[in-house]
Structures are given as structure tokens and as C-alpha cells.
Amino acid sequence: MGWHRIALGIGNPGPEYASTRHNVGFMVLDLLANRLGLTFQRLERKSPTGQKLFGGKVKAQVAGGVNQQGQKFLLVKPLTYVNLSGDVVGPLLRAAELTPESLFVVVDDLNLPLGRIRVRPSGSSGGHNGLRSIEAAL
């Protein structure tokens, strides 16, 4: 796979959630993909040779690119509900042979005012079910 970093946007699949604050992770990745000229596609669970890469719960849309240093990255929008985000993250990091430090998660935080951004290299889930699911999977 050869990815160096994975950016994961947390959100819920389906049109009823598309424009809600809960889907800010998807919105940020959509904006980033658009600016980079990337297109999201369904994550293939088998290699071109037919080898199984992921189990049945790993359903996501992905867009891959290369940064200015020539390192591959992957944008990921899990097609699970928020509280099952770890079902995608755990197997994906293991298959890519990446550590949790290679993962960047974009998520809403109801404790912050709308429009405020906070970047944290560590901390707890803060009660967010999606982050809690990811912590459990890692």
C-alpha cells in the first residue's frame, strides 16, 4: 500500500446527515480532495490479484495522493456510522503497517464554538463516540 499518512474524516453516511455539523470530518476531506484534484472511490477490500486485504466491516470511500515530499497519503471517509469508525481505522492502519501517529482525524467537537479549530497530538476521546471507537480499535 505504501501510505505514509492517513487522514480520516468522521461522519455519518447518507444524505440526511450530509450538511450537519456531525459530518464536518467528511466536509473537510471533501474540500481538501477538491482542492487537490482528488476523487473519492470505494475502498477495495481485495488486491488486484484477489488477495483479501480487509474484512467485511471495512467500508469506506478513499482518495489517495502524494505530498510535496513524494510521500503517499490517503483520505478516508468511513461508510460506517460515527460510533463504528474504529471498524475501519484499525484494519486500515494494520494493513498499511502504520502506527497511530500516522493517523490524522478530523471530527466535530461540540465543546468548541462552531468554526473553531483545535489540533491536538494526544488526548482522550472527550466523550466523542467516534474517537472512542478509534481508541478501542487501536
Protein backbone atom coordinates (compact mmCIF):
# COMPACT_ATOMS: atom_id res chain seq x y z
CA MET A 1 0.00 0.00 0.00
CA GLY A 2 2.87 2.33 0.78
CA TRP A 3 0.96 5.14 2.50
CA HIS A 4 2.84 7.44 4.81
CA ARG A 5 -0.17 9.19 6.39
CA ILE A 6 -3.90 8.65 6.64
CA ALA A 7 -6.37 11.50 7.19
CA LEU A 8 -9.74 10.25 8.36
CA GLY A 9 -12.91 12.33 8.42
CA ILE A 10 -15.53 11.21 10.89
CA GLY A 11 -19.15 11.48 9.79
CA ASN A 12 -22.30 9.51 9.06
CA PRO A 13 -23.14 8.12 5.62
CA GLY A 14 -26.34 9.12 3.89
CA PRO A 15 -27.92 12.31 2.54
CA GLU A 16 -29.83 13.02 5.76
CA TYR A 17 -26.50 13.74 7.51
CA ALA A 18 -24.66 15.45 4.63
CA SER A 19 -24.91 19.06 5.82
CA THR A 20 -24.97 18.54 9.56
CA ARG A 21 -22.25 19.64 11.97
CA HIS A 22 -21.75 15.99 12.84
CA ASN A 23 -20.33 15.47 9.33
CA VAL A 24 -17.66 18.16 9.45
CA GLY A 25 -14.98 15.47 9.05
CA PHE A 26 -16.44 14.45 5.69
CA MET A 27 -16.85 18.09 4.65
CA VAL A 28 -13.21 18.93 5.39
CA LEU A 29 -11.92 15.92 3.45
CA ASP A 30 -14.25 16.71 0.52
CA LEU A 31 -12.86 20.26 0.43
CA LEU A 32 -9.27 19.02 0.64
CA ALA A 33 -9.82 16.41 -2.09
CA ASN A 34 -11.42 19.05 -4.32
CA ARG A 35 -8.51 21.46 -3.83
CA LEU A 36 -6.00 18.70 -4.60
CA GLY A 37 -7.95 17.40 -7.61
CA LEU A 38 -8.59 14.02 -5.97
CA THR A 39 -11.72 11.89 -6.35
CA PHE A 40 -13.15 9.59 -3.69
CA GLN A 41 -13.71 5.96 -4.66
CA ARG A 42 -14.91 2.89 -2.83
CA LEU A 43 -12.12 1.21 -0.83
CA GLU A 44 -11.33 -2.10 -2.47
CA ARG A 45 -11.17 -4.91 0.05
CA LYS A 46 -9.15 -7.18 -2.24
CA SER A 47 -5.90 -6.61 -4.09
CA PRO A 48 -5.84 -6.79 -7.91
CA THR A 49 -4.59 -10.39 -7.50
CA GLY A 50 -7.65 -11.28 -5.40
CA GLN A 51 -5.87 -11.34 -2.02
CA LYS A 52 -8.17 -10.25 0.81
CA LEU A 53 -6.90 -7.03 2.39
CA PHE A 54 -9.76 -6.17 4.73
CA GLY A 55 -12.70 -7.88 6.41
CA GLY A 56 -16.36 -7.23 5.68
CA LYS A 57 -16.74 -4.31 8.12
CA VAL A 58 -14.14 -2.16 6.37
CA LYS A 59 -16.30 0.01 4.13
CA ALA A 60 -15.03 3.43 3.16
CA GLN A 61 -14.51 5.95 0.42
CA VAL A 62 -10.87 6.83 -0.18
CA ALA A 63 -8.82 9.28 -2.21
CA GLY A 64 -5.06 8.96 -2.46
CA GLY A 65 -2.38 11.43 -3.33
CA VAL A 66 1.28 12.31 -2.99
CA ASN A 67 2.57 15.23 -0.93
CA GLN A 68 5.38 17.61 -1.92
CA GLN A 69 7.95 15.30 -0.30
CA GLY A 70 6.81 12.40 -2.50
CA GLN A 71 5.07 10.57 0.35
CA LYS A 72 1.75 8.84 -0.32
CA PHE A 73 -1.27 9.78 1.76
CA LEU A 74 -4.82 8.55 1.93
CA LEU A 75 -8.00 10.47 2.70
CA VAL A 76 -10.64 8.20 4.25
CA LYS A 77 -14.36 8.63 4.84
CA PRO A 78 -15.69 5.57 6.70
CA LEU A 79 -19.09 4.38 5.47
CA THR A 80 -19.99 3.25 8.96
CA TYR A 81 -21.83 5.35 11.48
CA VAL A 82 -19.68 7.59 13.68
CA ASN A 83 -19.69 5.24 16.66
CA LEU A 84 -18.19 2.46 14.48
CA SER A 85 -15.30 4.48 12.98
CA GLY A 86 -12.76 2.16 14.60
CA ASP A 87 -14.07 -0.73 12.46
CA VAL A 88 -12.38 1.00 9.51
CA VAL A 89 -9.36 2.60 11.19
CA GLY A 90 -7.91 -0.45 12.95
CA PRO A 91 -7.77 -2.79 9.93
CA LEU A 92 -6.66 0.01 7.62
CA LEU A 93 -3.68 1.00 9.79
CA ARG A 94 -2.70 -2.65 10.28
CA ALA A 95 -2.88 -3.38 6.54
CA ALA A 96 -0.81 -0.26 5.79
CA GLU A 97 1.64 -1.17 8.59
CA LEU A 98 1.27 2.30 10.09
CA THR A 99 1.29 3.39 13.71
CA PRO A 100 -1.46 5.53 15.27
CA GLU A 101 0.89 8.54 14.97
CA SER A 102 0.40 8.33 11.20
CA LEU A 103 -3.33 8.96 11.58
CA PHE A 104 -4.92 12.43 11.48
CA VAL A 105 -8.61 12.51 12.45
CA VAL A 106 -10.98 15.35 11.56
CA VAL A 107 -14.04 15.42 13.81
CA ASP A 108 -16.63 17.81 15.19
CA ASP A 109 -16.32 18.83 18.81
CA LEU A 110 -19.43 20.21 20.46
CA ASN A 111 -17.24 21.67 23.20
CA LEU A 112 -15.79 24.16 20.70
CA PRO A 113 -17.66 27.09 19.14
CA LEU A 114 -18.74 26.48 15.54
CA GLY A 115 -15.86 27.40 13.23
CA ARG A 116 -13.13 26.99 15.88
CA ILE A 117 -10.36 24.52 15.02
CA ARG A 118 -8.14 22.74 17.52
CA VAL A 119 -5.24 20.46 16.64
CA ARG A 120 -4.12 18.02 19.34
CA PRO A 121 -1.40 15.40 19.04
CA SER A 122 -2.81 13.49 22.02
CA GLY A 123 -5.66 13.42 24.50
CA SER A 124 -8.78 11.50 25.30
CA SER A 125 -11.91 10.97 23.23
CA GLY A 126 -13.64 13.65 25.29
CA GLY A 127 -16.77 11.51 25.21
CA HIS A 128 -16.95 11.51 21.38
CA ASN A 129 -18.20 8.07 20.32
CA GLY A 130 -16.26 8.06 17.04
CA LEU A 131 -12.97 8.84 18.76
CA ARG A 132 -13.78 6.30 21.47
CA SER A 133 -14.31 3.65 18.77
CA ILE A 134 -10.97 4.51 17.15
CA GLU A 135 -9.16 4.36 20.51
CA ALA A 136 -10.64 0.90 21.15
CA ALA A 137 -9.59 -0.34 17.70
CA LEU A 138 -6.01 0.83 18.14
